[in-house]
Amino acid sequence: MKRPLDILVLSDLHLGTYGCNAKELLHYLDSIDPKKIILNGDIIDIWHFSKRSWPKYHTKVIQKFITWITEGKSVVYITGNHDEAMRRFSGFSVNNFEITNKIVLELDNNEKAWIFHGDVFDVTMKHSKWIAKLGGTGYNFLIFINRIINWFSKKFANKKVSFSKSIKDGVKSAVKKANNFEQTAADICAANGYNYVICGHIHQPIIKKMQTKKGEVTYLNSGDWIENLTSLEYNKGDWSIFTYEKSKLRMDKV
């Protein structure tokens, strides 16, 4: 029995890179039945796309999204920085599928959610894109090395380590503070009369209330499928974070 959802928000899958946990992602997607799917940027990593790092499960994830579209589910592809080539197609829409840079959703109780990837607030993206790309390449290499280390660690010590996550969390935390990422998003959200602002980009899953001069809003981030393996789920008027590593799906064979 698949778990029903009103809305599923996914971001930062980075399909086409070594870091993407596509097998686990597909396992999760096969366990749910969402009415609406929001793909909030960096779904396919065009920056670091390589046929060598495009195994069958990456294709199966894409096929899953296509299946949902053919079944009549609403699928919205919001562009990010790693798939920014898609931005030229913003505004494209056919039946229940559309490509856009941002979207405002009408939720229960007349509430509104403003959804976009979030790279617009990143100074490294706005002023030094080549540095961001170089950093992304280094991070992908770190993920590759980390997986080799974890193979040995799990075999002999039965535990995983993630120095790539520790390093990226520190870097992203610094970038977030420098840009005042969350507060900026919350302030603009409140100024436009929205109740929720939903981003990806910084790979840090969270749901929290934030105060602004225009009142309180809720900031949400869907995380990623590189390190955190998380998504945002909306059902019966409530938002929650799904974490694969804490779910019963992790106990199943994939």
Protein backbone atom coordinates (compact mmCIF):
# COMPACT_ATOMS: atom_id res chain seq x y z
CA MET A 1 0.00 0.00 0.00
CA LYS A 2 1.54 3.28 -1.09
CA ARG A 3 1.45 6.19 1.31
CA PRO A 4 -0.76 9.02 -0.05
CA LEU A 5 0.54 12.60 -0.13
CA ASP A 6 -1.04 15.84 -1.27
CA ILE A 7 2.31 17.43 -2.24
CA LEU A 8 5.87 16.13 -2.56
CA VAL A 9 8.80 18.56 -2.77
CA LEU A 10 12.19 17.24 -3.90
CA SER A 11 15.35 19.20 -4.62
CA ASP A 12 19.07 18.72 -5.14
CA LEU A 13 18.95 15.16 -6.44
CA HIS A 14 22.03 15.86 -8.61
CA LEU A 15 21.28 13.00 -10.97
CA GLY A 16 24.33 12.35 -13.10
CA THR A 17 26.86 12.59 -10.28
CA TYR A 18 28.55 9.99 -8.08
CA GLY A 19 26.92 11.47 -5.00
CA CYS A 20 23.28 10.91 -5.94
CA ASN A 21 21.64 8.13 -3.94
CA ALA A 22 19.32 7.24 -6.82
CA LYS A 23 18.65 3.68 -5.66
CA GLU A 24 17.38 4.84 -2.28
CA LEU A 25 15.47 7.68 -3.92
CA LEU A 26 13.65 5.29 -6.26
CA HIS A 27 12.83 3.05 -3.28
CA TYR A 28 11.23 6.05 -1.59
CA LEU A 29 9.35 7.20 -4.71
CA ASP A 30 7.91 3.71 -5.15
CA SER A 31 6.52 3.85 -1.60
CA ILE A 32 4.41 7.01 -2.00
CA ASP A 33 1.46 8.23 -4.05
CA PRO A 34 1.62 12.04 -4.30
CA LYS A 35 -1.03 14.13 -6.05
CA LYS A 36 1.40 16.95 -6.89
CA ILE A 37 5.18 16.78 -7.32
CA ILE A 38 7.45 19.83 -7.09
CA LEU A 39 10.99 19.25 -8.39
CA ASN A 40 12.71 22.26 -6.84
CA GLY A 41 15.98 22.58 -8.74
CA ASP A 42 19.26 20.74 -9.26
CA ILE A 43 17.40 17.61 -10.30
CA ILE A 44 19.81 16.78 -13.13
CA ASP A 45 23.33 18.07 -12.50
CA ILE A 46 24.17 19.50 -15.92
CA TRP A 47 27.37 21.08 -14.52
CA HIS A 48 28.92 17.70 -13.78
CA PHE A 49 26.95 15.42 -16.07
CA SER A 50 28.87 12.35 -17.18
CA LYS A 51 27.75 9.14 -18.87
CA ARG A 52 30.15 7.29 -16.58
CA SER A 53 28.15 8.38 -13.52
CA TRP A 54 24.70 7.78 -14.99
CA PRO A 55 23.83 4.24 -13.85
CA LYS A 56 20.49 2.53 -14.39
CA TYR A 57 18.89 3.86 -11.20
CA HIS A 58 19.36 7.45 -12.36
CA THR A 59 17.39 6.55 -15.49
CA LYS A 60 14.75 4.78 -13.40
CA VAL A 61 14.20 7.91 -11.31
CA ILE A 62 13.56 9.93 -14.49
CA GLN A 63 11.25 7.18 -15.73
CA LYS A 64 9.35 7.38 -12.44
CA PHE A 65 8.71 11.09 -12.93
CA ILE A 66 7.57 10.44 -16.52
CA THR A 67 5.23 7.69 -15.29
CA TRP A 68 3.68 10.10 -12.80
CA ILE A 69 3.14 12.63 -15.60
CA THR A 70 1.45 10.03 -17.84
CA GLU A 71 -0.74 9.00 -14.89
CA GLY A 72 -2.04 12.56 -14.73
CA LYS A 73 -0.21 13.72 -11.62
CA SER A 74 0.78 17.39 -11.59
CA VAL A 75 4.57 17.75 -11.93
CA VAL A 76 6.31 21.13 -11.71
CA TYR A 77 10.01 21.42 -12.57
CA ILE A 78 11.53 24.50 -10.91
CA THR A 79 14.98 25.31 -12.26
CA GLY A 80 18.10 25.51 -10.09
CA ASN A 81 21.70 26.54 -10.66
CA HIS A 82 23.06 23.10 -11.59
CA ASP A 83 20.28 22.71 -14.16
CA GLU A 84 20.14 26.39 -15.14
CA ALA A 85 20.15 25.43 -18.83
CA MET A 86 16.49 24.59 -18.23
CA ARG A 87 15.74 28.24 -17.49
CA ARG A 88 15.44 29.03 -21.18
CA PHE A 89 12.35 26.80 -21.15
CA SER A 90 10.71 28.58 -18.19
CA GLY A 91 7.05 29.03 -18.96
CA PHE A 92 6.79 25.79 -20.93
CA SER A 93 3.65 23.88 -20.03
CA VAL A 94 1.91 20.87 -21.47
CA ASN A 95 -1.10 19.29 -19.79
CA ASN A 96 -0.04 18.49 -16.19
CA PHE A 97 3.70 19.25 -16.59
CA GLU A 98 5.38 22.65 -16.46
CA ILE A 99 8.84 24.22 -16.20
CA THR A 100 9.23 27.44 -14.25
CA ASN A 101 11.65 29.43 -12.09
CA LYS A 102 9.27 29.82 -9.16
CA ILE A 103 5.71 29.04 -8.18
CA VAL A 104 3.09 30.09 -5.64
CA LEU A 105 0.84 27.28 -4.43
CA GLU A 106 -2.59 27.67 -2.90
CA LEU A 107 -2.78 25.42 0.15
CA ASP A 108 -5.45 24.60 2.71
CA ASN A 109 -7.07 27.37 4.77
CA ASN A 110 -6.28 29.94 2.02
CA GLU A 111 -2.56 29.74 2.81
CA LYS A 112 0.08 30.32 0.13
CA ALA A 113 3.51 28.75 -0.37
CA TRP A 114 6.20 30.51 -2.41
CA ILE A 115 8.59 27.92 -3.87
CA PHE A 116 11.89 28.51 -5.66
CA HIS A 117 15.34 26.89 -5.66
CA GLY A 118 17.19 29.59 -3.70
CA ASP A 119 20.39 30.20 -5.67
CA VAL A 120 19.22 33.75 -6.40
CA PHE A 121 20.32 34.64 -2.84
CA ASP A 122 23.74 33.01 -3.12
CA VAL A 123 26.55 35.55 -3.58
CA THR A 124 28.90 32.83 -4.85
CA MET A 125 26.41 32.15 -7.64
CA LYS A 126 25.77 35.81 -8.44
CA HIS A 127 29.37 37.02 -8.50
CA SER A 128 31.73 34.04 -8.77
CA LYS A 129 29.99 31.23 -10.61
CA TRP A 130 33.28 29.66 -11.66
CA ILE A 131 34.25 29.32 -7.98
CA ALA A 132 30.94 27.61 -7.26
CA LYS A 133 31.49 25.18 -10.15
CA LEU A 134 35.04 24.46 -9.02
CA GLY A 135 33.79 23.83 -5.50
CA GLY A 136 31.12 21.50 -6.85
CA THR A 137 33.72 19.48 -8.74
CA GLY A 138 35.84 19.13 -5.59
CA TYR A 139 32.79 18.11 -3.60
CA ASN A 140 31.89 15.40 -6.12
CA PHE A 141 35.41 14.00 -5.86
CA LEU A 142 35.12 14.08 -2.06
CA ILE A 143 31.87 12.11 -2.26
CA PHE A 144 33.56 9.54 -4.50
CA ILE A 145 36.44 9.08 -2.04
CA ASN A 146 34.01 9.05 0.89
CA ARG A 147 32.09 6.14 -0.64
CA ILE A 148 35.26 4.09 -0.99
CA ILE A 149 36.15 4.79 2.66
CA ASN A 150 32.61 3.89 3.77
CA TRP A 151 32.81 0.55 1.96
CA PHE A 152 35.78 -0.41 4.12
CA SER A 153 34.32 1.24 7.23
CA LYS A 154 31.03 -0.66 7.00
CA LYS A 155 32.83 -3.91 6.21
CA PHE A 156 35.20 -3.77 9.17
CA ALA A 157 33.61 -1.33 11.67
CA ASN A 158 29.94 -1.55 10.65
CA LYS A 159 29.47 2.21 10.60
CA LYS A 160 29.54 5.08 8.14
CA VAL A 161 31.51 8.30 8.24
CA SER A 162 30.84 11.43 6.26
CA PHE A 163 33.63 13.96 6.18
CA SER A 164 32.11 15.32 2.95
CA LYS A 165 28.93 16.23 4.84
CA SER A 166 30.90 17.81 7.68
CA ILE A 167 32.91 19.96 5.29
CA LYS A 168 29.92 20.96 3.17
CA ASP A 169 27.74 21.72 6.20
CA GLY A 170 30.46 24.09 7.43
CA VAL A 171 30.88 25.77 4.06
CA LYS A 172 27.16 26.05 3.43
CA SER A 173 26.63 27.39 6.95
CA ALA A 174 29.15 30.13 6.30
CA VAL A 175 27.61 30.98 2.95
CA LYS A 176 24.15 30.99 4.50
CA LYS A 177 25.20 33.42 7.21
CA ALA A 178 26.99 35.68 4.75
CA ASN A 179 23.93 35.88 2.56
CA ASN A 180 21.41 35.91 5.41
CA PHE A 181 19.70 33.33 3.22
CA GLU A 182 16.80 32.23 5.37
CA GLN A 183 15.93 35.66 6.73
CA THR A 184 16.02 37.25 3.29
CA ALA A 185 13.69 34.58 1.94
CA ALA A 186 11.36 34.97 4.94
CA ASP A 187 11.26 38.77 4.65
CA ILE A 188 10.30 38.67 0.96
CA CYS A 189 7.77 35.93 1.68
CA ALA A 190 6.04 38.01 4.34
CA ALA A 191 6.17 41.19 2.25
CA ASN A 192 4.20 39.39 -0.47
CA GLY A 193 1.64 38.02 1.94
CA TYR A 194 2.73 34.38 1.65
CA ASN A 195 2.63 31.97 4.58
CA TYR A 196 5.45 29.62 3.56
CA VAL A 197 8.71 29.96 1.65
CA ILE A 198 10.21 26.71 0.36
CA CYS A 199 13.77 26.43 -0.95
CA GLY A 200 16.47 23.91 -1.75
CA HIS A 201 20.05 24.78 -2.76
CA ILE A 202 21.81 24.80 0.63
CA HIS A 203 21.16 21.07 1.26
CA GLN A 204 19.95 21.61 4.82
CA PRO A 205 16.48 20.17 5.53
CA ILE A 206 14.50 22.24 8.00
CA ILE A 207 11.07 23.58 8.91
CA LYS A 208 10.99 26.58 11.20
CA LYS A 209 8.95 29.63 12.09
CA MET A 210 10.62 32.97 11.37
CA GLN A 211 9.78 36.47 12.48
CA THR A 212 9.77 39.37 10.02
CA LYS A 213 8.65 42.99 10.15
CA LYS A 214 5.50 41.90 8.33
CA GLY A 215 4.74 39.03 10.69
CA GLU A 216 5.56 35.36 11.13
CA VAL A 217 6.19 32.99 8.21
CA THR A 218 7.40 29.41 7.94
CA TYR A 219 10.68 28.67 6.17
CA LEU A 220 11.17 25.17 4.75
CA ASN A 221 14.06 23.49 2.96
CA SER A 222 13.79 20.08 1.34
CA GLY A 223 17.45 19.13 1.80
CA ASP A 224 19.04 16.82 -0.77
CA TRP A 225 19.65 13.23 -1.94
CA ILE A 226 23.44 13.41 -1.70
CA GLU A 227 23.96 13.35 2.06
CA ASN A 228 20.68 13.94 3.90
CA LEU A 229 18.29 11.89 1.70
CA THR A 230 15.29 14.05 2.56
CA SER A 231 12.15 15.56 1.07
CA LEU A 232 9.26 17.75 2.13
CA GLU A 233 5.81 16.21 2.35
CA TYR A 234 2.49 18.03 2.63
CA ASN A 235 -0.59 16.06 3.64
CA LYS A 236 -3.90 17.08 5.18
CA GLY A 237 -2.72 20.61 5.88
CA ASP A 238 0.62 19.76 7.52
CA TRP A 239 4.24 19.91 6.34
CA SER A 240 6.84 17.37 7.44
CA ILE A 241 10.38 16.32 6.54
CA PHE A 242 10.88 12.77 5.31
CA THR A 243 14.32 11.38 6.18
CA TYR A 244 15.20 8.11 4.46
CA GLU A 245 17.83 7.08 7.00
CA LYS A 246 15.27 7.37 9.82
CA SER A 247 12.46 5.62 7.96
CA LYS A 248 11.44 1.99 7.88
CA LEU A 249 12.36 1.97 4.18
CA ARG A 250 16.00 1.84 5.24
CA MET A 251 15.37 -1.55 6.79
CA ASP A 252 14.04 -2.93 3.51
CA LYS A 253 16.30 -4.39 0.89
CA VAL A 254 16.93 -2.07 -2.05
